[in-house]
């Protein structure tokens, strides 16, 4: 994985930890959790742009459809989890956000696997 993807994965872990504290306390997500989600989403947007730039160059052996699917799909995980969480005011709403944030590093690892197939 690239240093950016590792950093983004660490950020996801930190945000998940903050959300987990809210989950245990049975609280709604606070400002720290919200801005953490925004930071992760901004990182995913950067990842999308960088991934598209990489596709312009040499990408023989990369499944372009799958690669683009993971790039674009990763952008929708957090907003979907956030809206689900906003409509569910109980503890399970926060749990949905924790799961959504933990899915992002898995998607980043899969992007790395797809890209490294051409090396």
Protein backbone atom coordinates (compact mmCIF):
# COMPACT_ATOMS: atom_id res chain seq x y z
CA UNK A 1 0.00 0.00 0.00
CA UNK A 2 1.14 3.55 -0.60
CA UNK A 3 2.01 5.83 2.30
CA UNK A 4 -1.14 7.82 1.59
CA UNK A 5 -3.33 4.72 1.81
CA UNK A 6 -1.62 3.65 5.05
CA UNK A 7 -2.15 7.13 6.49
CA UNK A 8 -5.77 7.11 5.45
CA UNK A 9 -6.20 3.67 7.03
CA UNK A 10 -4.68 4.95 10.29
CA UNK A 11 -7.06 7.91 10.19
CA UNK A 12 -9.94 5.47 9.72
CA UNK A 13 -8.78 3.52 12.77
CA UNK A 14 -8.63 6.69 14.87
CA UNK A 15 -12.10 7.79 13.74
CA UNK A 16 -13.42 4.29 14.46
CA UNK A 17 -11.94 4.51 17.95
CA UNK A 18 -13.69 7.85 18.58
CA UNK A 19 -16.95 6.42 17.27
CA UNK A 20 -16.51 3.33 19.42
CA UNK A 21 -16.26 5.54 22.52
CA UNK A 22 -19.55 7.17 21.50
CA UNK A 23 -21.05 3.74 20.94
CA UNK A 24 -20.05 2.49 24.39
CA UNK A 25 -21.35 5.66 26.03
CA UNK A 26 -24.59 5.41 23.99
CA UNK A 27 -24.11 8.93 22.61
CA UNK A 28 -24.68 10.50 19.25
CA UNK A 29 -21.59 11.13 17.14
CA UNK A 30 -19.94 14.37 18.21
CA UNK A 31 -18.00 17.00 16.30
CA UNK A 32 -14.74 15.06 16.47
CA UNK A 33 -16.36 12.02 14.87
CA UNK A 34 -18.09 14.12 12.23
CA UNK A 35 -14.95 16.02 11.23
CA UNK A 36 -13.01 12.76 11.24
CA UNK A 37 -15.51 11.35 8.75
CA UNK A 38 -15.15 14.50 6.65
CA UNK A 39 -11.35 14.12 6.68
CA UNK A 40 -11.58 10.47 5.61
CA UNK A 41 -14.01 11.39 2.83
CA UNK A 42 -11.66 14.13 1.63
CA UNK A 43 -8.85 11.58 1.59
CA UNK A 44 -11.00 9.23 -0.46
CA UNK A 45 -11.65 12.03 -2.93
CA UNK A 46 -7.89 12.56 -3.27
CA UNK A 47 -7.52 8.78 -3.72
CA UNK A 48 -10.12 8.88 -6.52
CA UNK A 49 -8.31 11.65 -8.38
CA UNK A 50 -4.93 9.95 -7.93
CA UNK A 51 -6.35 6.60 -9.06
CA UNK A 52 -7.77 8.13 -12.23
CA UNK A 53 -4.44 9.85 -12.93
CA UNK A 54 -2.69 6.47 -12.56
CA UNK A 55 -5.08 4.94 -15.08
CA UNK A 56 -4.00 7.47 -17.69
CA UNK A 57 -0.50 5.98 -17.64
CA UNK A 58 0.57 2.36 -17.99
CA UNK A 59 -2.00 0.05 -16.45
CA UNK A 60 -1.69 -3.17 -18.41
CA UNK A 61 -3.11 -6.09 -16.41
CA UNK A 62 -5.33 -3.92 -14.22
CA UNK A 63 -9.04 -4.61 -14.35
CA UNK A 64 -10.09 -1.03 -15.05
CA UNK A 65 -13.77 -1.62 -14.33
CA UNK A 66 -13.12 -3.21 -10.94
CA UNK A 67 -10.51 -0.60 -10.06
CA UNK A 68 -12.85 2.29 -10.89
CA UNK A 69 -15.67 0.52 -9.08
CA UNK A 70 -13.65 0.35 -5.87
CA UNK A 71 -12.47 3.96 -6.26
CA UNK A 72 -15.97 5.33 -6.76
CA UNK A 73 -17.66 2.88 -4.39
CA UNK A 74 -15.34 3.88 -1.55
CA UNK A 75 -16.67 7.43 -1.84
CA UNK A 76 -20.22 6.30 -1.11
CA UNK A 77 -19.57 4.12 1.95
CA UNK A 78 -19.24 6.92 4.49
CA UNK A 79 -22.11 9.11 3.25
CA UNK A 80 -24.41 6.08 3.19
CA UNK A 81 -23.36 5.17 6.73
CA UNK A 82 -23.77 8.76 7.87
CA UNK A 83 -27.30 9.11 6.50
CA UNK A 84 -28.25 5.74 7.93
CA UNK A 85 -26.81 6.80 11.28
CA UNK A 86 -28.64 10.14 11.15
CA UNK A 87 -31.95 8.39 10.64
CA UNK A 88 -31.25 5.89 13.44
CA UNK A 89 -30.84 7.84 16.68
CA UNK A 90 -30.05 4.78 18.81
CA UNK A 91 -26.75 3.06 19.53
CA UNK A 92 -27.04 1.03 16.34
CA UNK A 93 -26.73 4.19 14.24
CA UNK A 94 -23.28 4.81 15.66
CA UNK A 95 -22.43 1.13 15.13
CA UNK A 96 -23.24 1.55 11.43
CA UNK A 97 -20.71 4.39 11.25
CA UNK A 98 -18.05 2.29 12.98
CA UNK A 99 -18.57 -0.48 10.43
CA UNK A 100 -18.54 1.97 7.50
CA UNK A 101 -15.25 3.49 8.67
CA UNK A 102 -13.70 0.05 9.11
CA UNK A 103 -14.74 -0.99 5.58
CA UNK A 104 -12.68 1.82 4.02
CA UNK A 105 -9.22 0.31 4.79
CA UNK A 106 -10.42 -3.01 3.35
CA UNK A 107 -11.39 -1.23 0.14
CA UNK A 108 -8.02 0.53 0.06
CA UNK A 109 -6.24 -2.81 0.46
CA UNK A 110 -8.31 -4.22 -2.39
CA UNK A 111 -7.37 -1.22 -4.56
CA UNK A 112 -3.73 -1.93 -3.82
CA UNK A 113 -4.20 -5.61 -4.77
CA UNK A 114 -5.89 -4.69 -8.04
CA UNK A 115 -3.17 -2.17 -8.93
CA UNK A 116 -0.28 -4.45 -8.00
CA UNK A 117 -1.59 -7.06 -10.47
CA UNK A 118 -0.01 -5.08 -13.31
CA UNK A 119 3.46 -4.88 -11.75
